Amino acid sequence: MLKVVSESHWDEVFDFVVHYKNAMSQTTLRYAIEKIPTYLRIYPYKA
């Protein structure tokens, strides 16, 4: 679901992912940021 929404509202999905990244599985995180612009994708993986 996050993957689909991120196509049109990537900024809101990005904020959500950054806030809840510790509660998500790695797979969920990866799928959620798949459609987010490339230059922002690395940030959620940082500690």
PDB file of N, CA and C in Angstrom:
ATOM      1  N   MET A   1       0.818  -1.190   0.000  1.00  0.00           N
ATOM      2  CA  MET A   1       0.000   0.000   0.000  1.00  0.00           C
ATOM      3  C   MET A   1       0.869   1.264   0.000  1.00  0.00           C
ATOM      4  N   LEU A   2       1.911   1.290   0.816  1.00  0.00           N
ATOM      5  CA  LEU A   2       2.798   2.457   0.843  1.00  0.00           C
ATOM      6  C   LEU A   2       3.470   2.670  -0.507  1.00  0.00           C
ATOM      7  N   LYS A   3       3.782   1.582  -1.174  1.00  0.00           N
ATOM      8  CA  LYS A   3       4.425   1.670  -2.484  1.00  0.00           C
ATOM      9  C   LYS A   3       3.521   2.385  -3.486  1.00  0.00           C
ATOM     10  N   VAL A   4       2.258   2.058  -3.486  1.00  0.00           N
ATOM     11  CA  VAL A   4       1.304   2.666  -4.415  1.00  0.00           C
ATOM     12  C   VAL A   4       1.094   4.138  -4.086  1.00  0.00           C
ATOM     13  N   VAL A   5       0.929   4.452  -2.827  1.00  0.00           N
ATOM     14  CA  VAL A   5       0.705   5.839  -2.409  1.00  0.00           C
ATOM     15  C   VAL A   5       1.939   6.694  -2.672  1.00  0.00           C
ATOM     16  N   SER A   6       3.121   6.102  -2.565  1.00  0.00           N
ATOM     17  CA  SER A   6       4.348   6.878  -2.747  1.00  0.00           C
ATOM     18  C   SER A   6       4.531   7.378  -4.174  1.00  0.00           C
ATOM     19  N   GLU A   7       3.798   6.821  -5.126  1.00  0.00           N
ATOM     20  CA  GLU A   7       3.878   7.306  -6.501  1.00  0.00           C
ATOM     21  C   GLU A   7       3.359   8.736  -6.617  1.00  0.00           C
ATOM     22  N   SER A   8       2.340   9.078  -5.850  1.00  0.00           N
ATOM     23  CA  SER A   8       1.759  10.416  -5.949  1.00  0.00           C
ATOM     24  C   SER A   8       2.029  11.299  -4.730  1.00  0.00           C
ATOM     25  N   HIS A   9       2.275  10.686  -3.583  1.00  0.00           N
ATOM     26  CA  HIS A   9       2.497  11.442  -2.340  1.00  0.00           C
ATOM     27  C   HIS A   9       3.783  10.984  -1.669  1.00  0.00           C
ATOM     28  N   TRP A  10       4.867  10.987  -2.422  1.00  0.00           N
ATOM     29  CA  TRP A  10       6.117  10.435  -1.898  1.00  0.00           C
ATOM     30  C   TRP A  10       6.643  11.195  -0.688  1.00  0.00           C
ATOM     31  N   ASP A  11       6.389  12.483  -0.610  1.00  0.00           N
ATOM     32  CA  ASP A  11       6.900  13.254   0.529  1.00  0.00           C
ATOM     33  C   ASP A  11       6.228  12.840   1.844  1.00  0.00           C
ATOM     34  N   GLU A  12       4.934  12.566   1.800  1.00  0.00           N
ATOM     35  CA  GLU A  12       4.221  12.122   2.994  1.00  0.00           C
ATOM     36  C   GLU A  12       4.629  10.701   3.382  1.00  0.00           C
ATOM     37  N   VAL A  13       4.802   9.850   2.393  1.00  0.00           N
ATOM     38  CA  VAL A  13       5.248   8.482   2.664  1.00  0.00           C
ATOM     39  C   VAL A  13       6.658   8.496   3.239  1.00  0.00           C
ATOM     40  N   PHE A  14       7.512   9.353   2.713  1.00  0.00           N
ATOM     41  CA  PHE A  14       8.880   9.457   3.219  1.00  0.00           C
ATOM     42  C   PHE A  14       8.880   9.854   4.696  1.00  0.00           C
ATOM     43  N   ASP A  15       8.088  10.846   5.054  1.00  0.00           N
ATOM     44  CA  ASP A  15       7.999  11.264   6.459  1.00  0.00           C
ATOM     45  C   ASP A  15       7.489  10.124   7.345  1.00  0.00           C
ATOM     46  N   PHE A  16       6.497   9.396   6.861  1.00  0.00           N
ATOM     47  CA  PHE A  16       5.960   8.261   7.609  1.00  0.00           C
ATOM     48  C   PHE A  16       7.021   7.181   7.808  1.00  0.00           C
ATOM     49  N   VAL A  17       7.740   6.864   6.744  1.00  0.00           N
ATOM     50  CA  VAL A  17       8.767   5.823   6.810  1.00  0.00           C
ATOM     51  C   VAL A  17       9.880   6.218   7.767  1.00  0.00           C
ATOM     52  N   VAL A  18      10.321   7.456   7.713  1.00  0.00           N
ATOM     53  CA  VAL A  18      11.383   7.910   8.613  1.00  0.00           C
ATOM     54  C   VAL A  18      10.914   7.818  10.064  1.00  0.00           C
ATOM     55  N   HIS A  19       9.679   8.154  10.310  1.00  0.00           N
ATOM     56  CA  HIS A  19       9.151   8.123  11.679  1.00  0.00           C
ATOM     57  C   HIS A  19       8.991   6.696  12.207  1.00  0.00           C
ATOM     58  N   TYR A  20       8.539   5.773  11.357  1.00  0.00           N
ATOM     59  CA  TYR A  20       8.234   4.408  11.790  1.00  0.00           C
ATOM     60  C   TYR A  20       9.236   3.363  11.308  1.00  0.00           C
ATOM     61  N   LYS A  21      10.405   3.774  10.860  1.00  0.00           N
ATOM     62  CA  LYS A  21      11.359   2.824  10.278  1.00  0.00           C
ATOM     63  C   LYS A  21      11.796   1.741  11.260  1.00  0.00           C
ATOM     64  N   ASN A  22      11.852   2.040  12.539  1.00  0.00           N
ATOM     65  CA  ASN A  22      12.274   1.037  13.518  1.00  0.00           C
ATOM     66  C   ASN A  22      11.192  -0.003  13.796  1.00  0.00           C
ATOM     67  N   ALA A  23       9.956   0.299  13.470  1.00  0.00           N
ATOM     68  CA  ALA A  23       8.857  -0.639  13.687  1.00  0.00           C
ATOM     69  C   ALA A  23       8.556  -1.478  12.447  1.00  0.00           C
ATOM     70  N   MET A  24       9.188  -1.155  11.311  1.00  0.00           N
ATOM     71  CA  MET A  24       8.940  -1.860  10.049  1.00  0.00           C
ATOM     72  C   MET A  24       9.977  -2.945   9.814  1.00  0.00           C
ATOM     73  N   SER A  25       9.552  -3.965   9.095  1.00  0.00           N
ATOM     74  CA  SER A  25      10.521  -4.963   8.654  1.00  0.00           C
ATOM     75  C   SER A  25      11.336  -4.360   7.508  1.00  0.00           C
ATOM     76  N   GLN A  26      12.479  -4.942   7.239  1.00  0.00           N
ATOM     77  CA  GLN A  26      13.351  -4.453   6.171  1.00  0.00           C
ATOM     78  C   GLN A  26      12.650  -4.530   4.815  1.00  0.00           C
ATOM     79  N   THR A  27      11.884  -5.581   4.601  1.00  0.00           N
ATOM     80  CA  THR A  27      11.167  -5.752   3.339  1.00  0.00           C
ATOM     81  C   THR A  27      10.112  -4.668   3.159  1.00  0.00           C
ATOM     82  N   THR A  28       9.360  -4.379   4.190  1.00  0.00           N
ATOM     83  CA  THR A  28       8.343  -3.327   4.124  1.00  0.00           C
ATOM     84  C   THR A  28       8.980  -1.983   3.832  1.00  0.00           C
ATOM     85  N   LEU A  29      10.076  -1.702   4.493  1.00  0.00           N
ATOM     86  CA  LEU A  29      10.788  -0.444   4.269  1.00  0.00           C
ATOM     87  C   LEU A  29      11.264  -0.340   2.826  1.00  0.00           C
ATOM     88  N   ARG A  30      11.845  -1.399   2.316  1.00  0.00           N
ATOM     89  CA  ARG A  30      12.359  -1.397   0.946  1.00  0.00           C
ATOM     90  C   ARG A  30      11.239  -1.162  -0.069  1.00  0.00           C
ATOM     91  N   TYR A  31      10.116  -1.843   0.082  1.00  0.00           N
ATOM     92  CA  TYR A  31       8.993  -1.650  -0.834  1.00  0.00           C
ATOM     93  C   TYR A  31       8.390  -0.253  -0.708  1.00  0.00           C
ATOM     94  N   ALA A  32       8.332   0.275   0.488  1.00  0.00           N
ATOM     95  CA  ALA A  32       7.734   1.594   0.710  1.00  0.00           C
ATOM     96  C   ALA A  32       8.526   2.694   0.025  1.00  0.00           C
ATOM     97  N   ILE A  33       9.855   2.571  -0.008  1.00  0.00           N
ATOM     98  CA  ILE A  33      10.667   3.647  -0.585  1.00  0.00           C
ATOM     99  C   ILE A  33      11.053   3.397  -2.040  1.00  0.00           C
ATOM    100  N   GLU A  34      10.516   2.349  -2.623  1.00  0.00           N
ATOM    101  CA  GLU A  34      10.865   1.996  -3.995  1.00  0.00           C
ATOM    102  C   GLU A  34      10.556   3.113  -4.995  1.00  0.00           C
ATOM    103  N   LYS A  35       9.472   3.822  -4.831  1.00  0.00           N
ATOM    104  CA  LYS A  35       9.055   4.866  -5.774  1.00  0.00           C
ATOM    105  C   LYS A  35       9.470   6.273  -5.348  1.00  0.00           C
ATOM    106  N   ILE A  36      10.148   6.384  -4.223  1.00  0.00           N
ATOM    107  CA  ILE A  36      10.628   7.676  -3.730  1.00  0.00           C
ATOM    108  C   ILE A  36      11.857   8.084  -4.542  1.00  0.00           C
ATOM    109  N   PRO A  37      12.074   9.366  -4.794  1.00  0.00           N
ATOM    110  CA  PRO A  37      13.241   9.800  -5.568  1.00  0.00           C
ATOM    111  C   PRO A  37      14.550   9.208  -5.030  1.00  0.00           C
ATOM    112  N   THR A  38      15.432   8.884  -5.944  1.00  0.00           N
ATOM    113  CA  THR A  38      16.673   8.186  -5.624  1.00  0.00           C
ATOM    114  C   THR A  38      17.505   8.889  -4.566  1.00  0.00           C
ATOM    115  N   TYR A  39      17.606  10.190  -4.622  1.00  0.00           N
ATOM    116  CA  TYR A  39      18.473  10.905  -3.688  1.00  0.00           C
ATOM    117  C   TYR A  39      17.979  10.834  -2.241  1.00  0.00           C
ATOM    118  N   LEU A  40      16.730  10.427  -2.011  1.00  0.00           N
ATOM    119  CA  LEU A  40      16.198  10.306  -0.650  1.00  0.00           C
ATOM    120  C   LEU A  40      16.171   8.871  -0.134  1.00  0.00           C
ATOM    121  N   ARG A  41      16.384   7.914  -0.995  1.00  0.00           N
ATOM    122  CA  ARG A  41      16.222   6.508  -0.607  1.00  0.00           C
ATOM    123  C   ARG A  41      17.197   6.040   0.455  1.00  0.00           C
ATOM    124  N   ILE A  42      18.392   6.548   0.487  1.00  0.00           N
ATOM    125  CA  ILE A  42      19.397   6.068   1.434  1.00  0.00           C
ATOM    126  C   ILE A  42      19.100   6.521   2.861  1.00  0.00           C
ATOM    127  N   TYR A  43      18.442   7.646   3.037  1.00  0.00           N
ATOM    128  CA  TYR A  43      18.233   8.223   4.366  1.00  0.00           C
ATOM    129  C   TYR A  43      17.532   7.299   5.364  1.00  0.00           C
ATOM    130  N   PRO A  44      16.428   6.630   5.017  1.00  0.00           N
ATOM    131  CA  PRO A  44      15.771   5.775   6.016  1.00  0.00           C
ATOM    132  C   PRO A  44      16.643   4.624   6.516  1.00  0.00           C
ATOM    133  N   TYR A  45      17.666   4.244   5.763  1.00  0.00           N
ATOM    134  CA  TYR A  45      18.528   3.143   6.181  1.00  0.00           C
ATOM    135  C   TYR A  45      19.584   3.578   7.180  1.00  0.00           C
ATOM    136  N   LYS A  46      19.815   4.863   7.303  1.00  0.00           N
ATOM    137  CA  LYS A  46      20.803   5.354   8.264  1.00  0.00           C
ATOM    138  C   LYS A  46      20.265   5.219   9.681  1.00  0.00           C
ATOM    139  N   ALA A  47      21.158   5.054  10.614  1.00  0.00           N
ATOM    140  CA  ALA A  47      20.766   4.851  12.021  1.00  0.00           C
ATOM    141  C   ALA A  47      20.173   6.071  12.658  1.00  0.00           C
TER     142      ALA A  47
END
